[in-house]
């Protein structure tokens, strides 16, 4: 017959396990923003090389955070924000230029 360990042995083993030792855990830093929604929205603007770069920066920021590089994630997220704003502005300028040219030329 096999012997079952006593309750005190089980309790001692559980107390020493790393899963139950939460004294050394540091609070996790809040996740920096990667602006993924903004970059997806920027992909609908007609500034295609620029908005794809913003999307890549956003994905790189997400991957950097998942790898544990918080500062790199913040930097890449900030770059994604700036490039996506530039893409939206350039896209709006392209649309405004197209509409201006289209509606001001005389079609015969």
Protein backbone atom coordinates (compact mmCIF):
# COMPACT_ATOMS: atom_id res chain seq x y z
CA UNK A 1 0.00 0.00 0.00
CA UNK A 2 1.11 3.52 -0.68
CA UNK A 3 1.25 6.10 2.00
CA UNK A 4 -0.43 9.44 1.50
CA UNK A 5 1.46 12.48 2.78
CA UNK A 6 0.07 14.20 5.82
CA UNK A 7 -1.67 17.55 5.65
CA UNK A 8 1.26 19.38 7.24
CA UNK A 9 3.64 18.05 4.55
CA UNK A 10 1.29 19.17 1.76
CA UNK A 11 0.88 22.60 3.33
CA UNK A 12 4.65 23.03 3.71
CA UNK A 13 5.22 22.01 0.09
CA UNK A 14 2.60 24.47 -1.14
CA UNK A 15 4.02 27.32 0.93
CA UNK A 16 7.47 26.80 -0.54
CA UNK A 17 6.30 26.66 -4.15
CA UNK A 18 7.13 29.66 -6.34
CA UNK A 19 3.51 29.97 -7.46
CA UNK A 20 2.32 30.86 -4.00
CA UNK A 21 5.24 33.16 -3.17
CA UNK A 22 3.85 36.56 -4.15
CA UNK A 23 6.02 38.67 -1.84
CA UNK A 24 8.65 39.35 -4.52
CA UNK A 25 6.22 40.21 -7.30
CA UNK A 26 6.48 43.79 -8.48
CA UNK A 27 3.41 45.55 -9.83
CA UNK A 28 3.27 45.38 -13.61
CA UNK A 29 3.73 48.65 -15.49
CA UNK A 30 0.71 49.89 -17.41
CA UNK A 31 0.78 49.03 -21.09
CA UNK A 32 1.85 51.97 -23.25
CA UNK A 33 -0.46 52.91 -26.06
CA UNK A 34 0.40 51.52 -29.48
CA UNK A 35 -2.29 53.50 -31.39
CA UNK A 36 -3.38 50.47 -33.41
CA UNK A 37 -6.93 51.77 -34.02
CA UNK A 38 -5.62 55.13 -35.24
CA UNK A 39 -3.17 53.49 -37.61
CA UNK A 40 -5.87 51.21 -39.01
CA UNK A 41 -8.02 54.29 -39.60
CA UNK A 42 -5.05 56.00 -41.27
CA UNK A 43 -4.78 53.08 -43.69
CA UNK A 44 -8.02 54.27 -45.33
CA UNK A 45 -6.44 57.61 -46.29
CA UNK A 46 -4.84 57.88 -49.74
CA UNK A 47 -1.25 58.18 -48.51
CA UNK A 48 -0.34 54.54 -48.88
CA UNK A 49 3.39 54.27 -48.21
CA UNK A 50 3.15 56.49 -45.15
CA UNK A 51 0.15 54.86 -43.48
CA UNK A 52 1.60 51.38 -43.90
CA UNK A 53 4.74 52.57 -42.08
CA UNK A 54 2.54 53.82 -39.23
CA UNK A 55 0.82 50.44 -39.07
CA UNK A 56 4.19 48.66 -38.93
CA UNK A 57 5.35 50.95 -36.10
CA UNK A 58 2.17 50.14 -34.18
CA UNK A 59 2.66 46.39 -34.57
CA UNK A 60 6.32 46.73 -33.58
CA UNK A 61 5.24 48.63 -30.43
CA UNK A 62 2.87 45.80 -29.53
CA UNK A 63 5.55 43.16 -30.09
CA UNK A 64 8.09 45.19 -28.13
CA UNK A 65 5.73 45.37 -25.15
CA UNK A 66 5.09 41.63 -25.34
CA UNK A 67 8.87 41.05 -25.28
CA UNK A 68 9.15 43.16 -22.11
CA UNK A 69 10.74 46.30 -23.60
CA UNK A 70 8.53 49.03 -22.14
CA UNK A 71 10.68 51.99 -23.22
CA UNK A 72 10.99 50.67 -26.77
CA UNK A 73 7.24 50.16 -26.88
CA UNK A 74 6.64 53.77 -25.80
CA UNK A 75 9.07 55.07 -28.44
CA UNK A 76 7.57 52.97 -31.24
CA UNK A 77 4.04 53.89 -30.17
CA UNK A 78 4.91 57.56 -30.26
CA UNK A 79 6.41 57.12 -33.74
CA UNK A 80 3.23 55.32 -34.86
CA UNK A 81 1.16 58.24 -33.57
CA UNK A 82 3.22 60.87 -35.40
CA UNK A 83 3.36 58.97 -38.68
CA UNK A 84 -0.36 58.15 -38.62
CA UNK A 85 -1.25 61.81 -37.99
CA UNK A 86 1.01 62.81 -40.89
CA UNK A 87 -0.67 60.17 -43.05
CA UNK A 88 -4.15 61.46 -42.20
CA UNK A 89 -3.14 65.06 -42.93
CA UNK A 90 -1.52 64.11 -46.24
CA UNK A 91 -4.57 62.01 -47.15
CA UNK A 92 -6.92 64.91 -46.45
CA UNK A 93 -4.73 67.21 -48.56
CA UNK A 94 -4.84 64.72 -51.44
CA UNK A 95 -8.62 64.47 -51.19
CA UNK A 96 -9.00 68.27 -51.03
CA UNK A 97 -6.71 68.74 -54.03
CA UNK A 98 -8.58 66.12 -56.04
CA UNK A 99 -11.96 67.68 -55.23
CA UNK A 100 -10.71 71.18 -56.01
CA UNK A 101 -9.31 70.14 -59.38
CA UNK A 102 -12.34 68.04 -60.23
CA UNK A 103 -14.99 70.67 -59.45
CA UNK A 104 -13.16 73.73 -60.81
CA UNK A 105 -12.24 72.46 -64.25
CA UNK A 106 -14.73 73.04 -67.03
CA UNK A 107 -15.83 69.85 -68.67
CA UNK A 108 -17.09 70.34 -72.18
